[in-house]
């Protein structure tokens, strides 16, 4: 059953993940997102219903300068995890989609 709000957008960005109340952390790759959640490719050892902090790592900038989002793991696959954001993120989605389209145009003109 689909619980996503809004459209899913393809994404490609590095992220840093940390589970709440734990020292478990890992890197990952944001693969798609919507205003209500995202799918992240990662090897983070986890299980559904864990709370997680996701920090998006802006390309060419320090990790700590990226936005941090709170969410809950709602799906675990061998490829990664599905996350539902604690709060809807329409501004983040709009910003990342614009960045992805601009990067694609730059690569196409090279």
C-alpha atoms as a PDB file:
ATOM      1  CA  UNK A   1       0.000   0.000   0.000  1.00  0.00           C
ATOM      2  CA  UNK A   2       1.324   3.433  -0.974  1.00  0.00           C
ATOM      3  CA  UNK A   3       1.477   6.006   1.845  1.00  0.00           C
ATOM      4  CA  UNK A   4       3.555   8.684   0.104  1.00  0.00           C
ATOM      5  CA  UNK A   5       2.229  12.234  -0.113  1.00  0.00           C
ATOM      6  CA  UNK A   6       3.122  14.084  -3.289  1.00  0.00           C
ATOM      7  CA  UNK A   7       5.226  12.938  -6.222  1.00  0.00           C
ATOM      8  CA  UNK A   8       8.376  10.865  -5.977  1.00  0.00           C
ATOM      9  CA  UNK A   9      11.427  12.573  -7.484  1.00  0.00           C
ATOM     10  CA  UNK A  10      14.632  10.858  -8.537  1.00  0.00           C
ATOM     11  CA  UNK A  11      17.575  12.162  -6.529  1.00  0.00           C
ATOM     12  CA  UNK A  12      21.303  11.534  -6.303  1.00  0.00           C
ATOM     13  CA  UNK A  13      23.006  12.997  -3.246  1.00  0.00           C
ATOM     14  CA  UNK A  14      25.302  11.801  -0.484  1.00  0.00           C
ATOM     15  CA  UNK A  15      23.760  11.558   2.979  1.00  0.00           C
ATOM     16  CA  UNK A  16      24.983  10.782   6.474  1.00  0.00           C
ATOM     17  CA  UNK A  17      22.680   8.699   8.691  1.00  0.00           C
ATOM     18  CA  UNK A  18      22.548   8.216  12.453  1.00  0.00           C
ATOM     19  CA  UNK A  19      19.988   6.215  14.407  1.00  0.00           C
ATOM     20  CA  UNK A  20      18.537   7.914  17.480  1.00  0.00           C
ATOM     21  CA  UNK A  21      19.911   6.927  20.876  1.00  0.00           C
ATOM     22  CA  UNK A  22      22.755   5.064  19.260  1.00  0.00           C
ATOM     23  CA  UNK A  23      26.265   5.529  18.042  1.00  0.00           C
ATOM     24  CA  UNK A  24      25.384   3.614  14.856  1.00  0.00           C
ATOM     25  CA  UNK A  25      25.955   5.748  11.788  1.00  0.00           C
ATOM     26  CA  UNK A  26      26.672   5.255   8.098  1.00  0.00           C
ATOM     27  CA  UNK A  27      26.931   6.993   4.777  1.00  0.00           C
ATOM     28  CA  UNK A  28      24.304   6.550   2.130  1.00  0.00           C
ATOM     29  CA  UNK A  29      23.015   7.816  -1.182  1.00  0.00           C
ATOM     30  CA  UNK A  30      19.658   9.538  -1.542  1.00  0.00           C
ATOM     31  CA  UNK A  31      17.930   7.803  -4.488  1.00  0.00           C
ATOM     32  CA  UNK A  32      14.465   9.339  -4.465  1.00  0.00           C
ATOM     33  CA  UNK A  33      12.352  11.572  -2.294  1.00  0.00           C
ATOM     34  CA  UNK A  34       8.920  13.071  -1.806  1.00  0.00           C
ATOM     35  CA  UNK A  35       7.520  15.568   0.668  1.00  0.00           C
ATOM     36  CA  UNK A  36       6.734  12.671   3.023  1.00  0.00           C
ATOM     37  CA  UNK A  37       9.820  10.474   2.717  1.00  0.00           C
ATOM     38  CA  UNK A  38      12.787   9.099   0.815  1.00  0.00           C
ATOM     39  CA  UNK A  39      14.659   5.977  -0.215  1.00  0.00           C
ATOM     40  CA  UNK A  40      18.343   5.822   0.702  1.00  0.00           C
ATOM     41  CA  UNK A  41      20.871   3.239  -0.467  1.00  0.00           C
ATOM     42  CA  UNK A  42      22.937   2.354   2.595  1.00  0.00           C
ATOM     43  CA  UNK A  43      24.543  -0.440   4.568  1.00  0.00           C
ATOM     44  CA  UNK A  44      23.299   1.036   7.864  1.00  0.00           C
ATOM     45  CA  UNK A  45      22.320  -1.896  10.087  1.00  0.00           C
ATOM     46  CA  UNK A  46      18.756  -1.125  11.097  1.00  0.00           C
ATOM     47  CA  UNK A  47      15.187  -2.309  11.355  1.00  0.00           C
ATOM     48  CA  UNK A  48      11.778  -0.750  10.661  1.00  0.00           C
ATOM     49  CA  UNK A  49      10.404   1.785  13.162  1.00  0.00           C
ATOM     50  CA  UNK A  50      13.859   3.042  14.221  1.00  0.00           C
ATOM     51  CA  UNK A  51      14.135   6.810  14.306  1.00  0.00           C
ATOM     52  CA  UNK A  52      16.929   8.212  12.187  1.00  0.00           C
ATOM     53  CA  UNK A  53      18.586  11.546  11.467  1.00  0.00           C
ATOM     54  CA  UNK A  54      19.471  12.144   7.812  1.00  0.00           C
ATOM     55  CA  UNK A  55      21.959  14.844   6.887  1.00  0.00           C
ATOM     56  CA  UNK A  56      22.206  15.700   3.210  1.00  0.00           C
ATOM     57  CA  UNK A  57      25.804  16.374   2.178  1.00  0.00           C
ATOM     58  CA  UNK A  58      25.961  19.230  -0.343  1.00  0.00           C
ATOM     59  CA  UNK A  59      28.348  18.469  -3.206  1.00  0.00           C
ATOM     60  CA  UNK A  60      31.671  20.227  -2.714  1.00  0.00           C
ATOM     61  CA  UNK A  61      30.765  21.517   0.759  1.00  0.00           C
ATOM     62  CA  UNK A  62      31.418  20.288   4.299  1.00  0.00           C
ATOM     63  CA  UNK A  63      29.009  17.636   5.564  1.00  0.00           C
ATOM     64  CA  UNK A  64      27.895  19.743   8.514  1.00  0.00           C
ATOM     65  CA  UNK A  65      26.598  22.493   6.201  1.00  0.00           C
ATOM     66  CA  UNK A  66      23.781  20.304   4.834  1.00  0.00           C
ATOM     67  CA  UNK A  67      20.212  20.159   6.112  1.00  0.00           C
ATOM     68  CA  UNK A  68      19.364  17.624   8.841  1.00  0.00           C
ATOM     69  CA  UNK A  69      16.040  15.813   8.761  1.00  0.00           C
ATOM     70  CA  UNK A  70      14.373  13.531  11.271  1.00  0.00           C
ATOM     71  CA  UNK A  71      12.391  10.500  10.245  1.00  0.00           C
ATOM     72  CA  UNK A  72      11.433   6.917  10.895  1.00  0.00           C
ATOM     73  CA  UNK A  73      12.551   3.864   8.958  1.00  0.00           C
ATOM     74  CA  UNK A  74       9.429   2.312   7.437  1.00  0.00           C
ATOM     75  CA  UNK A  75      10.998  -0.170   5.018  1.00  0.00           C
ATOM     76  CA  UNK A  76      14.250  -2.130   4.872  1.00  0.00           C
ATOM     77  CA  UNK A  77      15.475  -3.828   1.685  1.00  0.00           C
ATOM     78  CA  UNK A  78      18.812  -5.335   0.750  1.00  0.00           C
ATOM     79  CA  UNK A  79      19.490  -2.139  -1.248  1.00  0.00           C
ATOM     80  CA  UNK A  80      18.646   0.384   1.461  1.00  0.00           C
ATOM     81  CA  UNK A  81      15.917   1.917   3.588  1.00  0.00           C
ATOM     82  CA  UNK A  82      12.654   3.774   3.116  1.00  0.00           C
ATOM     83  CA  UNK A  83      12.192   6.715   5.466  1.00  0.00           C
ATOM     84  CA  UNK A  84       9.089   8.675   6.399  1.00  0.00           C
ATOM     85  CA  UNK A  85       9.956  12.241   7.444  1.00  0.00           C
ATOM     86  CA  UNK A  86       8.825  13.390  10.889  1.00  0.00           C
ATOM     87  CA  UNK A  87       7.514  16.556   9.182  1.00  0.00           C
ATOM     88  CA  UNK A  88       6.573  17.133   5.544  1.00  0.00           C
ATOM     89  CA  UNK A  89       9.465  18.627   3.544  1.00  0.00           C
ATOM     90  CA  UNK A  90       8.089  20.507   0.503  1.00  0.00           C
ATOM     91  CA  UNK A  91      10.847  23.164   0.541  1.00  0.00           C
ATOM     92  CA  UNK A  92      13.597  20.544   0.635  1.00  0.00           C
ATOM     93  CA  UNK A  93      12.068  18.604  -2.245  1.00  0.00           C
ATOM     94  CA  UNK A  94      11.700  21.750  -4.368  1.00  0.00           C
ATOM     95  CA  UNK A  95      15.284  22.804  -3.649  1.00  0.00           C
ATOM     96  CA  UNK A  96      16.809  19.385  -4.422  1.00  0.00           C
ATOM     97  CA  UNK A  97      14.762  18.957  -7.606  1.00  0.00           C
ATOM     98  CA  UNK A  98      15.935  22.356  -8.875  1.00  0.00           C
ATOM     99  CA  UNK A  99      19.562  21.502  -8.072  1.00  0.00           C
ATOM    100  CA  UNK A 100      19.288  18.114  -9.818  1.00  0.00           C
ATOM    101  CA  UNK A 101      17.795  19.714 -12.968  1.00  0.00           C
ATOM    102  CA  UNK A 102      20.458  22.439 -13.034  1.00  0.00           C
ATOM    103  CA  UNK A 103      23.245  19.846 -12.691  1.00  0.00           C
ATOM    104  CA  UNK A 104      21.736  17.782 -15.526  1.00  0.00           C
ATOM    105  CA  UNK A 105      21.630  20.845 -17.814  1.00  0.00           C
ATOM    106  CA  UNK A 106      25.242  21.706 -17.010  1.00  0.00           C
ATOM    107  CA  UNK A 107      26.361  18.138 -17.812  1.00  0.00           C
ATOM    108  CA  UNK A 108      24.350  18.170 -21.057  1.00  0.00           C
ATOM    109  CA  UNK A 109      26.068  21.381 -22.216  1.00  0.00           C
ATOM    110  CA  UNK A 110      29.603  20.108 -21.556  1.00  0.00           C
END
